All heavy atoms as atom14 arrays in JSON, in Angstrom:
{
  "sequence": "YYRNVSQNELPSIYNQCSIYFCGSYYEGFGLTGLESLICGC",
  "atom14_mask": [
    [1, 1, 1, 1, 1, 1, 1, 1, 1, 1, 1, 1, 0, 0],
    [1, 1, 1, 1, 1, 1, 1, 1, 1, 1, 1, 1, 0, 0],
    [1, 1, 1, 1, 1, 1, 1, 1, 1, 1, 1, 0, 0, 0],
    [1, 1, 1, 1, 1, 1, 1, 1, 0, 0, 0, 0, 0, 0],
    [1, 1, 1, 1, 1, 1, 1, 0, 0, 0, 0, 0, 0, 0],
    [1, 1, 1, 1, 1, 1, 0, 0, 0, 0, 0, 0, 0, 0],
    [1, 1, 1, 1, 1, 1, 1, 1, 1, 0, 0, 0, 0, 0],
    [1, 1, 1, 1, 1, 1, 1, 1, 0, 0, 0, 0, 0, 0],
    [1, 1, 1, 1, 1, 1, 1, 1, 1, 0, 0, 0, 0, 0],
    [1, 1, 1, 1, 1, 1, 1, 1, 0, 0, 0, 0, 0, 0],
    [1, 1, 1, 1, 1, 1, 1, 0, 0, 0, 0, 0, 0, 0],
    [1, 1, 1, 1, 1, 1, 0, 0, 0, 0, 0, 0, 0, 0],
    [1, 1, 1, 1, 1, 1, 1, 1, 0, 0, 0, 0, 0, 0],
    [1, 1, 1, 1, 1, 1, 1, 1, 1, 1, 1, 1, 0, 0],
    [1, 1, 1, 1, 1, 1, 1, 1, 0, 0, 0, 0, 0, 0],
    [1, 1, 1, 1, 1, 1, 1, 1, 1, 0, 0, 0, 0, 0],
    [1, 1, 1, 1, 1, 1, 0, 0, 0, 0, 0, 0, 0, 0],
    [1, 1, 1, 1, 1, 1, 0, 0, 0, 0, 0, 0, 0, 0],
    [1, 1, 1, 1, 1, 1, 1, 1, 0, 0, 0, 0, 0, 0],
    [1, 1, 1, 1, 1, 1, 1, 1, 1, 1, 1, 1, 0, 0],
    [1, 1, 1, 1, 1, 1, 1, 1, 1, 1, 1, 0, 0, 0],
    [1, 1, 1, 1, 1, 1, 0, 0, 0, 0, 0, 0, 0, 0],
    [1, 1, 1, 1, 0, 0, 0, 0, 0, 0, 0, 0, 0, 0],
    [1, 1, 1, 1, 1, 1, 0, 0, 0, 0, 0, 0, 0, 0],
    [1, 1, 1, 1, 1, 1, 1, 1, 1, 1, 1, 1, 0, 0],
    [1, 1, 1, 1, 1, 1, 1, 1, 1, 1, 1, 1, 0, 0],
    [1, 1, 1, 1, 1, 1, 1, 1, 1, 0, 0, 0, 0, 0],
    [1, 1, 1, 1, 0, 0, 0, 0, 0, 0, 0, 0, 0, 0],
    [1, 1, 1, 1, 1, 1, 1, 1, 1, 1, 1, 0, 0, 0],
    [1, 1, 1, 1, 0, 0, 0, 0, 0, 0, 0, 0, 0, 0],
    [1, 1, 1, 1, 1, 1, 1, 1, 0, 0, 0, 0, 0, 0],
    [1, 1, 1, 1, 1, 1, 1, 0, 0, 0, 0, 0, 0, 0],
    [1, 1, 1, 1, 0, 0, 0, 0, 0, 0, 0, 0, 0, 0],
    [1, 1, 1, 1, 1, 1, 1, 1, 0, 0, 0, 0, 0, 0],
    [1, 1, 1, 1, 1, 1, 1, 1, 1, 0, 0, 0, 0, 0],
    [1, 1, 1, 1, 1, 1, 0, 0, 0, 0, 0, 0, 0, 0],
    [1, 1, 1, 1, 1, 1, 1, 1, 0, 0, 0, 0, 0, 0],
    [1, 1, 1, 1, 1, 1, 1, 1, 0, 0, 0, 0, 0, 0],
    [1, 1, 1, 1, 1, 1, 0, 0, 0, 0, 0, 0, 0, 0],
    [1, 1, 1, 1, 0, 0, 0, 0, 0, 0, 0, 0, 0, 0],
    [1, 1, 1, 1, 1, 1, 0, 0, 0, 0, 0, 0, 0, 0]
  ],
  "atom14_positions": [
    [[216.86, 163.66, 71.82], [217.39, 162.73, 70.82], [216.25, 162.29, 69.92], [215.2, 161.87, 70.39], [218.03, 161.53, 71.5], [218.52, 160.47, 70.55], [219.68, 160.64, 69.81], [217.8, 159.3, 70.37], [220.14, 159.69, 68.92], [218.26, 158.32, 69.49], [219.4, 158.53, 68.76], [219.84, 157.58, 67.88], [0.0, 0.0, 0.0], [0.0, 0.0, 0.0]],
    [[216.47, 162.38, 68.6], [215.47, 161.96, 67.64], [216.05, 160.83, 66.79], [217.23, 160.88, 66.43], [215.07, 163.11, 66.71], [214.45, 164.28, 67.43], [215.22, 165.32, 67.91], [213.08, 164.32, 67.61], [214.64, 166.39, 68.55], [212.48, 165.39, 68.28], [213.27, 166.41, 68.74], [212.7, 167.48, 69.38], [0.0, 0.0, 0.0], [0.0, 0.0, 0.0]],
    [[215.19, 159.86, 66.48], [215.63, 158.72, 65.67], [214.54, 158.35, 64.7], [213.35, 158.41, 65.07], [215.95, 157.55, 66.6], [216.51, 156.38, 65.9], [216.88, 155.31, 66.91], [217.32, 154.15, 66.19], [217.81, 153.1, 66.74], [217.94, 153.05, 68.07], [218.18, 152.06, 66.05], [0.0, 0.0, 0.0], [0.0, 0.0, 0.0], [0.0, 0.0, 0.0]],
    [[214.93, 157.98, 63.5], [213.96, 157.59, 62.46], [212.88, 158.66, 62.24], [211.67, 158.34, 62.25], [213.34, 156.23, 62.79], [214.36, 155.13, 62.82], [215.31, 155.11, 62.04], [214.19, 154.2, 63.74], [0.0, 0.0, 0.0], [0.0, 0.0, 0.0], [0.0, 0.0, 0.0], [0.0, 0.0, 0.0], [0.0, 0.0, 0.0], [0.0, 0.0, 0.0]],
    [[213.31, 159.87, 62.08], [212.39, 160.97, 61.91], [211.85, 160.98, 60.49], [212.59, 160.72, 59.55], [213.12, 162.3, 62.2], [212.25, 163.49, 61.97], [213.66, 162.3, 63.64], [0.0, 0.0, 0.0], [0.0, 0.0, 0.0], [0.0, 0.0, 0.0], [0.0, 0.0, 0.0], [0.0, 0.0, 0.0], [0.0, 0.0, 0.0], [0.0, 0.0, 0.0]],
    [[210.59, 161.3, 60.34], [209.97, 161.35, 59.0], [210.42, 162.63, 58.29], [210.83, 163.6, 58.92], [208.46, 161.32, 59.11], [207.96, 162.56, 59.56], [0.0, 0.0, 0.0], [0.0, 0.0, 0.0], [0.0, 0.0, 0.0], [0.0, 0.0, 0.0], [0.0, 0.0, 0.0], [0.0, 0.0, 0.0], [0.0, 0.0, 0.0], [0.0, 0.0, 0.0]],
    [[210.3, 162.64, 56.96], [210.65, 163.82, 56.17], [209.8, 165.04, 56.59], [210.27, 166.18, 56.56], [210.43, 163.54, 54.67], [211.45, 162.6, 54.1], [212.82, 163.21, 53.97], [213.07, 164.37, 54.28], [213.79, 162.44, 53.53], [0.0, 0.0, 0.0], [0.0, 0.0, 0.0], [0.0, 0.0, 0.0], [0.0, 0.0, 0.0], [0.0, 0.0, 0.0]],
    [[208.57, 164.8, 56.99], [207.68, 165.9, 57.41], [208.12, 166.51, 58.72], [207.86, 167.7, 58.97], [206.24, 165.42, 57.52], [205.67, 165.06, 56.15], [206.1, 165.58, 55.13], [204.7, 164.18, 56.15], [0.0, 0.0, 0.0], [0.0, 0.0, 0.0], [0.0, 0.0, 0.0], [0.0, 0.0, 0.0], [0.0, 0.0, 0.0], [0.0, 0.0, 0.0]],
    [[208.78, 165.76, 59.59], [209.18, 166.24, 60.9], [210.52, 167.02, 60.86], [210.78, 167.84, 61.71], [209.34, 165.08, 61.89], [208.05, 164.37, 62.22], [208.3, 163.13, 63.06], [208.85, 162.15, 62.52], [207.94, 163.16, 64.25], [0.0, 0.0, 0.0], [0.0, 0.0, 0.0], [0.0, 0.0, 0.0], [0.0, 0.0, 0.0], [0.0, 0.0, 0.0]],
    [[211.35, 166.7, 59.86], [212.7, 167.28, 59.8], [212.74, 168.8, 59.83], [213.46, 169.39, 60.67], [213.46, 166.79, 58.57], [214.13, 165.44, 58.71], [214.75, 165.02, 57.39], [215.16, 165.46, 59.8], [0.0, 0.0, 0.0], [0.0, 0.0, 0.0], [0.0, 0.0, 0.0], [0.0, 0.0, 0.0], [0.0, 0.0, 0.0], [0.0, 0.0, 0.0]],
    [[211.99, 169.51, 58.98], [212.08, 170.98, 59.01], [211.76, 171.58, 60.38], [212.41, 172.52, 60.82], [211.06, 171.43, 57.96], [210.94, 170.26, 57.03], [211.12, 169.03, 57.9], [0.0, 0.0, 0.0], [0.0, 0.0, 0.0], [0.0, 0.0, 0.0], [0.0, 0.0, 0.0], [0.0, 0.0, 0.0], [0.0, 0.0, 0.0], [0.0, 0.0, 0.0]],
    [[210.79, 171.01, 61.05], [210.42, 171.51, 62.38], [211.56, 171.35, 63.38], [211.84, 172.26, 64.16], [209.17, 170.77, 62.85], [208.9, 171.12, 64.2], [0.0, 0.0, 0.0], [0.0, 0.0, 0.0], [0.0, 0.0, 0.0], [0.0, 0.0, 0.0], [0.0, 0.0, 0.0], [0.0, 0.0, 0.0], [0.0, 0.0, 0.0], [0.0, 0.0, 0.0]],
    [[212.24, 170.25, 63.29], [213.38, 169.99, 64.19], [214.53, 170.97, 63.88], [215.08, 171.6, 64.77], [213.85, 168.54, 64.11], [212.75, 167.61, 64.66], [215.16, 168.33, 64.89], [212.97, 166.15, 64.4], [0.0, 0.0, 0.0], [0.0, 0.0, 0.0], [0.0, 0.0, 0.0], [0.0, 0.0, 0.0], [0.0, 0.0, 0.0], [0.0, 0.0, 0.0]],
    [[214.88, 171.08, 62.6], [215.96, 172.01, 62.2], [215.6, 173.44, 62.59], [216.46, 174.2, 63.04], [216.2, 171.97, 60.7], [216.9, 170.74, 60.18], [216.4, 170.01, 59.11], [218.12, 170.31, 60.73], [217.06, 168.91, 58.6], [218.79, 169.19, 60.23], [218.25, 168.5, 59.17], [218.92, 167.42, 58.69], [0.0, 0.0, 0.0], [0.0, 0.0, 0.0]],
    [[214.34, 173.83, 62.42], [213.94, 175.2, 62.7], [214.0, 175.53, 64.22], [213.96, 176.71, 64.58], [212.56, 175.48, 62.13], [212.59, 175.66, 60.65], [213.54, 176.19, 60.09], [211.53, 175.22, 59.98], [0.0, 0.0, 0.0], [0.0, 0.0, 0.0], [0.0, 0.0, 0.0], [0.0, 0.0, 0.0], [0.0, 0.0, 0.0], [0.0, 0.0, 0.0]],
    [[214.08, 174.55, 65.06], [214.22, 174.79, 66.5], [215.68, 175.01, 66.9], [215.97, 175.39, 68.03], [213.69, 173.58, 67.28], [212.2, 173.37, 67.16], [211.75, 172.11, 67.88], [212.2, 171.83, 68.98], [210.91, 171.33, 67.23], [0.0, 0.0, 0.0], [0.0, 0.0, 0.0], [0.0, 0.0, 0.0], [0.0, 0.0, 0.0], [0.0, 0.0, 0.0]],
    [[216.6, 174.82, 65.95], [218.03, 174.92, 66.24], [218.63, 176.15, 65.6], [218.16, 176.65, 64.58], [218.74, 173.69, 65.68], [218.11, 172.13, 66.3], [0.0, 0.0, 0.0], [0.0, 0.0, 0.0], [0.0, 0.0, 0.0], [0.0, 0.0, 0.0], [0.0, 0.0, 0.0], [0.0, 0.0, 0.0], [0.0, 0.0, 0.0], [0.0, 0.0, 0.0]],
    [[219.69, 176.64, 66.2], [220.42, 177.76, 65.58], [221.78, 177.31, 65.04], [222.35, 177.99, 64.19], [220.6, 178.91, 66.59], [221.37, 178.49, 67.69], [0.0, 0.0, 0.0], [0.0, 0.0, 0.0], [0.0, 0.0, 0.0], [0.0, 0.0, 0.0], [0.0, 0.0, 0.0], [0.0, 0.0, 0.0], [0.0, 0.0, 0.0], [0.0, 0.0, 0.0]],
    [[222.27, 176.17, 65.53], [223.55, 175.63, 65.07], [223.36, 174.14, 64.77], [222.74, 173.43, 65.55], [224.66, 175.78, 66.14], [224.9, 177.24, 66.47], [225.95, 175.1, 65.69], [225.83, 177.47, 67.66], [0.0, 0.0, 0.0], [0.0, 0.0, 0.0], [0.0, 0.0, 0.0], [0.0, 0.0, 0.0], [0.0, 0.0, 0.0], [0.0, 0.0, 0.0]],
    [[223.89, 173.73, 63.62], [223.91, 172.28, 63.3], [225.34, 171.81, 63.39], [226.25, 172.4, 62.8], [223.35, 172.03, 61.9], [223.25, 170.55, 61.6], [222.2, 169.8, 62.11], [224.2, 169.93, 60.83], [222.11, 168.46, 61.85], [224.12, 168.57, 60.56], [223.08, 167.83, 61.08], [222.99, 166.48, 60.82], [0.0, 0.0, 0.0], [0.0, 0.0, 0.0]],
    [[225.56, 170.75, 64.15], [226.9, 170.24, 64.45], [227.06, 168.86, 63.8], [226.25, 167.97, 64.05], [227.05, 170.13, 65.96], [228.39, 169.63, 66.41], [229.46, 170.51, 66.51], [228.56, 168.33, 66.76], [230.68, 170.05, 66.95], [229.78, 167.86, 67.21], [230.85, 168.74, 67.3], [0.0, 0.0, 0.0], [0.0, 0.0, 0.0], [0.0, 0.0, 0.0]],
    [[228.07, 168.72, 62.96], [228.32, 167.45, 62.28], [229.79, 167.06, 62.47], [230.68, 167.75, 61.98], [227.99, 167.58, 60.79], [228.3, 166.06, 59.88], [0.0, 0.0, 0.0], [0.0, 0.0, 0.0], [0.0, 0.0, 0.0], [0.0, 0.0, 0.0], [0.0, 0.0, 0.0], [0.0, 0.0, 0.0], [0.0, 0.0, 0.0], [0.0, 0.0, 0.0]],
    [[230.02, 166.01, 63.19], [231.39, 165.57, 63.49], [231.82, 164.31, 62.77], [232.57, 163.51, 63.31], [0.0, 0.0, 0.0], [0.0, 0.0, 0.0], [0.0, 0.0, 0.0], [0.0, 0.0, 0.0], [0.0, 0.0, 0.0], [0.0, 0.0, 0.0], [0.0, 0.0, 0.0], [0.0, 0.0, 0.0], [0.0, 0.0, 0.0], [0.0, 0.0, 0.0]],
    [[231.36, 164.11, 61.53], [231.67, 162.9, 60.77], [233.11, 162.87, 60.31], [233.7, 163.9, 60.0], [230.77, 162.81, 59.54], [229.43, 162.67, 59.9], [0.0, 0.0, 0.0], [0.0, 0.0, 0.0], [0.0, 0.0, 0.0], [0.0, 0.0, 0.0], [0.0, 0.0, 0.0], [0.0, 0.0, 0.0], [0.0, 0.0, 0.0], [0.0, 0.0, 0.0]],
    [[233.63, 161.67, 60.2], [234.95, 161.48, 59.58], [234.81, 161.42, 58.08], [235.74, 161.75, 57.36], [235.6, 160.19, 60.09], [236.08, 160.31, 61.52], [235.35, 159.78, 62.55], [237.25, 160.99, 61.82], [235.78, 159.9, 63.85], [237.7, 161.12, 63.11], [236.94, 160.56, 64.14], [237.38, 160.71, 65.41], [0.0, 0.0, 0.0], [0.0, 0.0, 0.0]],
    [[233.64, 161.02, 57.59], [233.4, 160.93, 56.16], [231.92, 161.19, 55.91], [231.05, 160.68, 56.64], [233.77, 159.54, 55.62], [233.42, 159.35, 54.2], [234.27, 159.84, 53.19], [232.24, 158.75, 53.82], [233.92, 159.71, 51.85], [231.89, 158.59, 52.48], [232.73, 159.09, 51.51], [232.39, 158.95, 50.19], [0.0, 0.0, 0.0], [0.0, 0.0, 0.0]],
    [[231.62, 161.97, 54.9], [230.24, 162.21, 54.44], [230.23, 162.11, 52.94], [231.11, 162.64, 52.28], [229.77, 163.62, 54.83], [229.42, 163.78, 56.28], [228.07, 163.22, 56.65], [227.18, 163.1, 55.79], [227.9, 162.88, 57.83], [0.0, 0.0, 0.0], [0.0, 0.0, 0.0], [0.0, 0.0, 0.0], [0.0, 0.0, 0.0], [0.0, 0.0, 0.0]],
    [[229.24, 161.43, 52.4], [229.08, 161.42, 50.95], [228.75, 162.81, 50.47], [229.63, 163.61, 50.2], [0.0, 0.0, 0.0], [0.0, 0.0, 0.0], [0.0, 0.0, 0.0], [0.0, 0.0, 0.0], [0.0, 0.0, 0.0], [0.0, 0.0, 0.0], [0.0, 0.0, 0.0], [0.0, 0.0, 0.0], [0.0, 0.0, 0.0], [0.0, 0.0, 0.0]],
    [[227.48, 163.15, 50.44], [227.07, 164.51, 50.04], [226.85, 165.4, 51.26], [227.0, 166.57, 51.19], [225.8, 164.44, 49.19], [225.31, 165.84, 48.81], [226.04, 166.64, 47.97], [224.14, 166.35, 49.36], [225.62, 167.93, 47.64], [223.7, 167.61, 49.03], [224.43, 168.39, 48.17], [0.0, 0.0, 0.0], [0.0, 0.0, 0.0], [0.0, 0.0, 0.0]],
    [[226.56, 164.84, 52.37], [226.32, 165.65, 53.59], [224.96, 166.33, 53.56], [224.86, 167.52, 53.82], [0.0, 0.0, 0.0], [0.0, 0.0, 0.0], [0.0, 0.0, 0.0], [0.0, 0.0, 0.0], [0.0, 0.0, 0.0], [0.0, 0.0, 0.0], [0.0, 0.0, 0.0], [0.0, 0.0, 0.0], [0.0, 0.0, 0.0], [0.0, 0.0, 0.0]],
    [[223.93, 165.6, 53.2], [222.61, 166.14, 53.04], [222.07, 166.81, 54.29], [221.44, 167.87, 54.22], [221.62, 165.06, 52.56], [220.21, 165.5, 52.27], [220.19, 166.58, 51.17], [219.36, 164.32, 51.86], [0.0, 0.0, 0.0], [0.0, 0.0, 0.0], [0.0, 0.0, 0.0], [0.0, 0.0, 0.0], [0.0, 0.0, 0.0], [0.0, 0.0, 0.0]],
    [[222.33, 166.24, 55.46], [221.78, 166.84, 56.69], [222.32, 168.23, 56.94], [221.6, 169.11, 57.4], [222.03, 165.94, 57.9], [223.43, 165.72, 58.04], [221.29, 164.62, 57.79], [0.0, 0.0, 0.0], [0.0, 0.0, 0.0], [0.0, 0.0, 0.0], [0.0, 0.0, 0.0], [0.0, 0.0, 0.0], [0.0, 0.0, 0.0], [0.0, 0.0, 0.0]],
    [[223.59, 168.45, 56.62], [224.16, 169.79, 56.75], [223.49, 170.78, 55.83], [223.13, 171.88, 56.22], [0.0, 0.0, 0.0], [0.0, 0.0, 0.0], [0.0, 0.0, 0.0], [0.0, 0.0, 0.0], [0.0, 0.0, 0.0], [0.0, 0.0, 0.0], [0.0, 0.0, 0.0], [0.0, 0.0, 0.0], [0.0, 0.0, 0.0], [0.0, 0.0, 0.0]],
    [[223.25, 170.36, 54.6], [222.57, 171.22, 53.62], [221.14, 171.5, 54.08], [220.68, 172.66, 54.01], [222.57, 170.54, 52.24], [221.92, 171.31, 51.11], [222.64, 172.63, 50.87], [221.92, 170.46, 49.84], [0.0, 0.0, 0.0], [0.0, 0.0, 0.0], [0.0, 0.0, 0.0], [0.0, 0.0, 0.0], [0.0, 0.0, 0.0], [0.0, 0.0, 0.0]],
    [[220.44, 170.5, 54.56], [219.07, 170.7, 55.05], [219.07, 171.69, 56.21], [218.18, 172.53, 56.28], [218.47, 169.36, 55.5], [218.2, 168.4, 54.41], [217.81, 167.02, 54.89], [218.1, 166.66, 56.04], [217.23, 166.26, 54.1], [0.0, 0.0, 0.0], [0.0, 0.0, 0.0], [0.0, 0.0, 0.0], [0.0, 0.0, 0.0], [0.0, 0.0, 0.0]],
    [[220.04, 171.6, 57.1], [220.07, 172.51, 58.24], [220.29, 173.96, 57.76], [219.68, 174.87, 58.34], [221.17, 172.07, 59.23], [222.47, 172.37, 58.74], [0.0, 0.0, 0.0], [0.0, 0.0, 0.0], [0.0, 0.0, 0.0], [0.0, 0.0, 0.0], [0.0, 0.0, 0.0], [0.0, 0.0, 0.0], [0.0, 0.0, 0.0], [0.0, 0.0, 0.0]],
    [[221.12, 174.15, 56.75], [221.36, 175.5, 56.23], [220.1, 176.08, 55.62], [219.8, 177.26, 55.77], [222.48, 175.48, 55.19], [223.86, 175.09, 55.68], [224.87, 175.16, 54.56], [224.3, 175.91, 56.87], [0.0, 0.0, 0.0], [0.0, 0.0, 0.0], [0.0, 0.0, 0.0], [0.0, 0.0, 0.0], [0.0, 0.0, 0.0], [0.0, 0.0, 0.0]],
    [[219.35, 175.24, 54.91], [218.1, 175.69, 54.29], [217.14, 176.17, 55.38], [216.38, 177.11, 55.18], [217.46, 174.55, 53.47], [218.3, 174.27, 52.24], [216.02, 174.85, 53.1], [217.95, 173.0, 51.51], [0.0, 0.0, 0.0], [0.0, 0.0, 0.0], [0.0, 0.0, 0.0], [0.0, 0.0, 0.0], [0.0, 0.0, 0.0], [0.0, 0.0, 0.0]],
    [[217.21, 175.58, 56.55], [216.31, 175.94, 57.67], [216.91, 177.05, 58.56], [216.34, 177.4, 59.58], [216.0, 174.71, 58.5], [214.96, 173.5, 57.64], [0.0, 0.0, 0.0], [0.0, 0.0, 0.0], [0.0, 0.0, 0.0], [0.0, 0.0, 0.0], [0.0, 0.0, 0.0], [0.0, 0.0, 0.0], [0.0, 0.0, 0.0], [0.0, 0.0, 0.0]],
    [[218.04, 177.64, 58.14], [218.57, 178.79, 58.85], [219.6, 178.51, 59.93], [219.95, 179.43, 60.68], [0.0, 0.0, 0.0], [0.0, 0.0, 0.0], [0.0, 0.0, 0.0], [0.0, 0.0, 0.0], [0.0, 0.0, 0.0], [0.0, 0.0, 0.0], [0.0, 0.0, 0.0], [0.0, 0.0, 0.0], [0.0, 0.0, 0.0], [0.0, 0.0, 0.0]],
    [[220.09, 177.32, 60.01], [221.11, 177.01, 61.02], [222.5, 177.46, 60.56], [222.77, 177.52, 59.37], [221.18, 175.5, 61.27], [219.7, 174.77, 61.97], [0.0, 0.0, 0.0], [0.0, 0.0, 0.0], [0.0, 0.0, 0.0], [0.0, 0.0, 0.0], [0.0, 0.0, 0.0], [0.0, 0.0, 0.0], [0.0, 0.0, 0.0], [0.0, 0.0, 0.0]]
  ]
}
């Protein structure tokens, strides 16, 4: 579990994953999903 992650740490975390899971009922732009796709998830 990660909390309050810095912008510099995010790509490393995403790059360790193969699937990004988002179960929100509402998202504005959904930036975390987009970031995960950029990192290959």
